[in-house]
Amino acid sequence: MNALLERHYDRIFAVCRRVAGNAADADDACQDALIAIVKGLHRFDGRSSFRTWSYRVATNACLDELRRRKRRPLTTIEEPEQLSDEPELAQRVTDRLALDAAFPLIPEEFRAPVVLRDVIGMDYAEIAETLELAPGTVRSRIARGRRHLADVLAAQGEVSPNGEPESPPTRPSPRHE
């Protein structure tokens, strides 16, 4: 049992992190998902892959967590001052922080399908099975979710309205005296 959970933990947490929108809620949702997986393993009937089934459990745990925290204010992620001397790595981390900040601003009904497709890499049929939605609904929600994500990133100045990344703002270098 432990080996099975360890093998799938990183992906389950990744789903929880992006759907929940922050690490604290993702930790709670991931823990709830792992407990639900252990308790519900006897109900796993093999009609879908374990991966698909576990993502469904994780997504449901995240959606439950989102409902519980609905009235709590959103937390913001502050950008670190100096991430690396390597500009490419710094840009990748900045992009990831921007996505992490943007995901909670996408309506819940679109967030899970986008995370499962674009972060986890599931195909449309797996997402439809995981979320118990029709394949056409999955495609529609992914398209609309991506549009919301692009709008949020554009409003944050991370991408231009046409979806192209904008050049990162230049910061004055610190003076060493």
C-alpha atoms as a PDB file:
ATOM      1  CA  MET A   1       0.000   0.000   0.000  1.00  0.00           C
ATOM      2  CA  ASN A   2       2.763   2.458   0.933  1.00  0.00           C
ATOM      3  CA  ALA A   3       4.643   1.782  -2.300  1.00  0.00           C
ATOM      4  CA  LEU A   4       1.500   2.447  -4.319  1.00  0.00           C
ATOM      5  CA  LEU A   5       0.851   5.759  -2.552  1.00  0.00           C
ATOM      6  CA  GLU A   6       4.503   6.785  -2.784  1.00  0.00           C
ATOM      7  CA  ARG A   7       4.512   6.067  -6.537  1.00  0.00           C
ATOM      8  CA  HIS A   8       1.489   8.333  -7.105  1.00  0.00           C
ATOM      9  CA  TYR A   9       2.010  10.954  -4.374  1.00  0.00           C
ATOM     10  CA  ASP A  10       3.805  13.593  -6.470  1.00  0.00           C
ATOM     11  CA  ARG A  11       1.118  13.616  -9.167  1.00  0.00           C
ATOM     12  CA  ILE A  12      -1.724  13.571  -6.624  1.00  0.00           C
ATOM     13  CA  PHE A  13      -0.129  16.502  -4.804  1.00  0.00           C
ATOM     14  CA  ALA A  14       0.381  18.339  -8.125  1.00  0.00           C
ATOM     15  CA  VAL A  15      -3.338  18.008  -8.853  1.00  0.00           C
ATOM     16  CA  CYS A  16      -4.182  19.235  -5.363  1.00  0.00           C
ATOM     17  CA  ARG A  17      -1.684  22.123  -5.539  1.00  0.00           C
ATOM     18  CA  ARG A  18      -3.077  23.536  -8.746  1.00  0.00           C
ATOM     19  CA  VAL A  19      -6.756  22.906  -8.054  1.00  0.00           C
ATOM     20  CA  ALA A  20      -6.591  24.166  -4.457  1.00  0.00           C
ATOM     21  CA  GLY A  21      -4.501  27.185  -5.391  1.00  0.00           C
ATOM     22  CA  ASN A  22      -2.070  27.220  -2.488  1.00  0.00           C
ATOM     23  CA  ALA A  23       0.233  24.827  -0.668  1.00  0.00           C
ATOM     24  CA  ALA A  24      -1.592  24.841   2.679  1.00  0.00           C
ATOM     25  CA  ASP A  25      -4.957  23.876   1.199  1.00  0.00           C
ATOM     26  CA  ALA A  26      -3.221  21.452  -1.178  1.00  0.00           C
ATOM     27  CA  ASP A  27      -1.580  19.724   1.793  1.00  0.00           C
ATOM     28  CA  ASP A  28      -4.961  19.355   3.482  1.00  0.00           C
ATOM     29  CA  ALA A  29      -6.668  18.155   0.307  1.00  0.00           C
ATOM     30  CA  CYS A  30      -3.834  15.753  -0.534  1.00  0.00           C
ATOM     31  CA  GLN A  31      -3.960  14.259   2.954  1.00  0.00           C
ATOM     32  CA  ASP A  32      -7.744  13.880   2.668  1.00  0.00           C
ATOM     33  CA  ALA A  33      -7.304  12.296  -0.772  1.00  0.00           C
ATOM     34  CA  LEU A  34      -4.704   9.806   0.440  1.00  0.00           C
ATOM     35  CA  ILE A  35      -6.915   8.814   3.372  1.00  0.00           C
ATOM     36  CA  ALA A  36      -9.894   8.446   1.040  1.00  0.00           C
ATOM     37  CA  ILE A  37      -7.800   6.321  -1.345  1.00  0.00           C
ATOM     38  CA  VAL A  38      -6.725   3.998   1.458  1.00  0.00           C
ATOM     39  CA  LYS A  39     -10.254   3.736   2.867  1.00  0.00           C
ATOM     40  CA  GLY A  40     -11.830   3.333  -0.563  1.00  0.00           C
ATOM     41  CA  LEU A  41      -9.313   0.998  -2.172  1.00  0.00           C
ATOM     42  CA  HIS A  42     -11.662  -1.961  -1.656  1.00  0.00           C
ATOM     43  CA  ARG A  43     -14.178  -0.130  -3.866  1.00  0.00           C
ATOM     44  CA  PHE A  44     -11.688   0.340  -6.702  1.00  0.00           C
ATOM     45  CA  ASP A  45     -13.116  -2.001  -9.336  1.00  0.00           C
ATOM     46  CA  GLY A  46     -10.507  -1.673 -12.056  1.00  0.00           C
ATOM     47  CA  ARG A  47     -12.892  -0.221 -14.656  1.00  0.00           C
ATOM     48  CA  SER A  48     -10.458   2.682 -14.936  1.00  0.00           C
ATOM     49  CA  SER A  49      -6.754   2.854 -14.205  1.00  0.00           C
ATOM     50  CA  PHE A  50      -5.654   3.397 -10.624  1.00  0.00           C
ATOM     51  CA  ARG A  51      -4.157   6.708 -11.744  1.00  0.00           C
ATOM     52  CA  THR A  52      -7.487   7.943 -13.128  1.00  0.00           C
ATOM     53  CA  TRP A  53      -9.365   6.770 -10.062  1.00  0.00           C
ATOM     54  CA  SER A  54      -6.845   8.373  -7.663  1.00  0.00           C
ATOM     55  CA  TYR A  55      -7.019  11.688  -9.576  1.00  0.00           C
ATOM     56  CA  ARG A  56     -10.799  11.601  -9.278  1.00  0.00           C
ATOM     57  CA  VAL A  57     -10.464  11.118  -5.509  1.00  0.00           C
ATOM     58  CA  ALA A  58      -7.864  13.921  -5.313  1.00  0.00           C
ATOM     59  CA  THR A  59      -9.939  16.297  -7.432  1.00  0.00           C
ATOM     60  CA  ASN A  60     -13.009  15.648  -5.288  1.00  0.00           C
ATOM     61  CA  ALA A  61     -10.947  16.229  -2.121  1.00  0.00           C
ATOM     62  CA  CYS A  62      -9.744  19.547  -3.573  1.00  0.00           C
ATOM     63  CA  LEU A  63     -13.223  20.643  -4.561  1.00  0.00           C
ATOM     64  CA  ASP A  64     -14.400  19.811  -1.035  1.00  0.00           C
ATOM     65  CA  GLU A  65     -11.513  21.877   0.358  1.00  0.00           C
ATOM     66  CA  LEU A  66     -12.439  24.784  -1.941  1.00  0.00           C
ATOM     67  CA  ARG A  67     -16.014  24.685  -0.696  1.00  0.00           C
ATOM     68  CA  ARG A  68     -14.784  24.700   2.915  1.00  0.00           C
ATOM     69  CA  ARG A  69     -12.548  27.710   2.371  1.00  0.00           C
ATOM     70  CA  LYS A  70     -14.873  29.661   0.078  1.00  0.00           C
ATOM     71  CA  ARG A  71     -15.189  32.546   2.529  1.00  0.00           C
ATOM     72  CA  ARG A  72     -11.500  32.723   3.409  1.00  0.00           C
ATOM     73  CA  PRO A  73      -9.526  35.414   1.570  1.00  0.00           C
ATOM     74  CA  LEU A  74      -7.122  34.387  -1.177  1.00  0.00           C
ATOM     75  CA  THR A  75      -3.468  34.435  -0.264  1.00  0.00           C
ATOM     76  CA  THR A  76      -0.988  36.060  -2.568  1.00  0.00           C
ATOM     77  CA  ILE A  77       2.390  34.786  -3.582  1.00  0.00           C
ATOM     78  CA  GLU A  78       5.197  37.274  -3.382  1.00  0.00           C
ATOM     79  CA  GLU A  79       7.825  37.136  -6.046  1.00  0.00           C
ATOM     80  CA  PRO A  80      11.333  36.517  -4.729  1.00  0.00           C
ATOM     81  CA  GLU A  81      13.816  39.311  -5.261  1.00  0.00           C
ATOM     82  CA  GLN A  82      16.657  37.284  -6.750  1.00  0.00           C
ATOM     83  CA  LEU A  83      15.997  33.715  -7.822  1.00  0.00           C
ATOM     84  CA  SER A  84      19.130  32.872  -9.737  1.00  0.00           C
ATOM     85  CA  ASP A  85      21.884  34.343 -11.795  1.00  0.00           C
ATOM     86  CA  GLU A  86      20.567  32.233 -14.666  1.00  0.00           C
ATOM     87  CA  PRO A  87      17.831  34.300 -16.361  1.00  0.00           C
ATOM     88  CA  GLU A  88      16.107  31.286 -17.933  1.00  0.00           C
ATOM     89  CA  LEU A  89      15.671  29.536 -14.584  1.00  0.00           C
ATOM     90  CA  ALA A  90      14.491  32.761 -12.971  1.00  0.00           C
ATOM     91  CA  GLN A  91      11.930  33.232 -15.762  1.00  0.00           C
ATOM     92  CA  ARG A  92      10.658  29.637 -15.399  1.00  0.00           C
ATOM     93  CA  VAL A  93      10.203  30.116 -11.648  1.00  0.00           C
ATOM     94  CA  THR A  94       8.496  33.468 -12.226  1.00  0.00           C
ATOM     95  CA  ASP A  95       6.179  31.869 -14.798  1.00  0.00           C
ATOM     96  CA  ARG A  96       5.303  29.096 -12.366  1.00  0.00           C
ATOM     97  CA  LEU A  97       4.591  31.592  -9.598  1.00  0.00           C
ATOM     98  CA  ALA A  98       2.355  33.541 -11.980  1.00  0.00           C
ATOM     99  CA  LEU A  99       0.441  30.362 -12.844  1.00  0.00           C
ATOM    100  CA  ASP A 100       0.136  29.423  -9.171  1.00  0.00           C
ATOM    101  CA  ALA A 101      -1.283  32.866  -8.448  1.00  0.00           C
ATOM    102  CA  ALA A 102      -3.613  32.718 -11.466  1.00  0.00           C
ATOM    103  CA  PHE A 103      -5.169  29.273 -10.955  1.00  0.00           C
ATOM    104  CA  PRO A 104      -7.246  30.257  -7.892  1.00  0.00           C
ATOM    105  CA  LEU A 105      -8.798  33.065  -9.945  1.00  0.00           C
ATOM    106  CA  ILE A 106     -10.219  30.662 -12.535  1.00  0.00           C
ATOM    107  CA  PRO A 107     -13.775  29.492 -11.796  1.00  0.00           C
ATOM    108  CA  GLU A 108     -13.750  26.075 -10.081  1.00  0.00           C
ATOM    109  CA  GLU A 109     -15.664  24.323 -12.853  1.00  0.00           C
ATOM    110  CA  PHE A 110     -12.848  25.122 -15.301  1.00  0.00           C
ATOM    111  CA  ARG A 111      -9.848  24.804 -12.977  1.00  0.00           C
ATOM    112  CA  ALA A 112      -9.839  21.023 -12.474  1.00  0.00           C
ATOM    113  CA  PRO A 113     -10.126  20.156 -16.185  1.00  0.00           C
ATOM    114  CA  VAL A 114      -7.311  22.586 -17.085  1.00  0.00           C
ATOM    115  CA  VAL A 115      -5.065  21.243 -14.328  1.00  0.00           C
ATOM    116  CA  LEU A 116      -5.699  17.633 -15.300  1.00  0.00           C
ATOM    117  CA  ARG A 117      -4.988  18.368 -18.978  1.00  0.00           C
ATOM    118  CA  ASP A 118      -2.230  20.970 -18.932  1.00  0.00           C
ATOM    119  CA  VAL A 119      -0.412  20.186 -15.680  1.00  0.00           C
ATOM    120  CA  ILE A 120      -0.899  16.447 -15.297  1.00  0.00           C
ATOM    121  CA  GLY A 121      -1.130  15.640 -19.005  1.00  0.00           C
ATOM    122  CA  MET A 122      -4.224  13.452 -18.921  1.00  0.00           C
ATOM    123  CA  ASP A 123      -6.091  12.890 -22.174  1.00  0.00           C
ATOM    124  CA  TYR A 124      -9.666  14.081 -22.650  1.00  0.00           C
ATOM    125  CA  ALA A 125     -11.198  10.627 -22.110  1.00  0.00           C
ATOM    126  CA  GLU A 126      -9.356  10.190 -18.797  1.00  0.00           C
ATOM    127  CA  ILE A 127     -10.452  13.645 -17.658  1.00  0.00           C
ATOM    128  CA  ALA A 128     -14.041  12.900 -18.629  1.00  0.00           C
ATOM    129  CA  GLU A 129     -13.901   9.689 -16.609  1.00  0.00           C
ATOM    130  CA  THR A 130     -12.125  11.325 -13.676  1.00  0.00           C
ATOM    131  CA  LEU A 131     -14.574  14.222 -13.413  1.00  0.00           C
ATOM    132  CA  GLU A 132     -17.577  12.165 -14.511  1.00  0.00           C
ATOM    133  CA  LEU A 133     -18.350  14.561 -17.353  1.00  0.00           C
ATOM    134  CA  ALA A 134     -19.164  14.106 -21.007  1.00  0.00           C
ATOM    135  CA  PRO A 135     -16.097  14.423 -23.279  1.00  0.00           C
ATOM    136  CA  GLY A 136     -17.601  17.449 -25.032  1.00  0.00           C
ATOM    137  CA  THR A 137     -18.105  19.158 -21.676  1.00  0.00           C
ATOM    138  CA  VAL A 138     -14.464  18.474 -20.802  1.00  0.00           C
ATOM    139  CA  ARG A 139     -13.258  20.036 -24.066  1.00  0.00           C
ATOM    140  CA  SER A 140     -15.487  23.062 -23.541  1.00  0.00           C
ATOM    141  CA  ARG A 141     -14.370  23.562 -19.944  1.00  0.00           C
ATOM    142  CA  ILE A 142     -10.719  23.259 -20.880  1.00  0.00           C
ATOM    143  CA  ALA A 143     -11.102  25.817 -23.655  1.00  0.00           C
ATOM    144  CA  ARG A 144     -12.994  28.213 -21.401  1.00  0.00           C
ATOM    145  CA  GLY A 145     -10.563  27.620 -18.531  1.00  0.00           C
ATOM    146  CA  ARG A 146      -7.582  28.362 -20.736  1.00  0.00           C
ATOM    147  CA  ARG A 147      -9.294  31.553 -21.887  1.00  0.00           C
ATOM    148  CA  HIS A 148      -9.857  32.594 -18.242  1.00  0.00           C
ATOM    149  CA  LEU A 149      -6.237  31.729 -17.426  1.00  0.00           C
ATOM    150  CA  ALA A 150      -4.965  33.828 -20.350  1.00  0.00           C
ATOM    151  CA  ASP A 151      -7.179  36.745 -19.246  1.00  0.00           C
ATOM    152  CA  VAL A 152      -5.893  36.517 -15.661  1.00  0.00           C
ATOM    153  CA  LEU A 153      -2.265  36.338 -16.790  1.00  0.00           C
ATOM    154  CA  ALA A 154      -2.811  39.263 -19.168  1.00  0.00           C
ATOM    155  CA  ALA A 155      -4.328  41.303 -16.333  1.00  0.00           C
ATOM    156  CA  GLN A 156      -1.295  40.442 -14.181  1.00  0.00           C
ATOM    157  CA  GLY A 157       0.995  41.553 -16.994  1.00  0.00           C
ATOM    158  CA  GLU A 158       2.448  38.069 -17.536  1.00  0.00           C
ATOM    159  CA  VAL A 159       1.209  37.690 -21.114  1.00  0.00           C
ATOM    160  CA  SER A 160      -0.012  40.081 -23.711  1.00  0.00           C
ATOM    161  CA  PRO A 161      -3.703  39.927 -24.691  1.00  0.00           C
ATOM    162  CA  ASN A 162      -2.769  37.767 -27.720  1.00  0.00           C
ATOM    163  CA  GLY A 163      -1.302  35.120 -25.381  1.00  0.00           C
ATOM    164  CA  GLU A 164       2.371  35.857 -26.058  1.00  0.00           C
ATOM    165  CA  PRO A 165       4.663  36.142 -23.013  1.00  0.00           C
ATOM    166  CA  GLU A 166       5.692  39.673 -22.277  1.00  0.00           C
ATOM    167  CA  SER A 167       9.277  40.429 -21.527  1.00  0.00           C
ATOM    168  CA  PRO A 168       9.918  40.411 -17.800  1.00  0.00           C
ATOM    169  CA  PRO A 169      10.065  43.814 -16.156  1.00  0.00           C
ATOM    170  CA  THR A 170      13.565  45.052 -15.623  1.00  0.00           C
ATOM    171  CA  ARG A 171      14.633  45.614 -12.085  1.00  0.00           C
ATOM    172  CA  PRO A 172      17.430  47.868 -11.046  1.00  0.00           C
ATOM    173  CA  SER A 173      20.400  45.836  -9.881  1.00  0.00           C
ATOM    174  CA  PRO A 174      21.228  46.209  -6.193  1.00  0.00           C
ATOM    175  CA  ARG A 175      24.150  48.466  -5.479  1.00  0.00           C
ATOM    176  CA  HIS A 176      27.011  47.020  -3.524  1.00  0.00           C
ATOM    177  CA  GLU A 177      28.753  49.642  -1.481  1.00  0.00           C
END
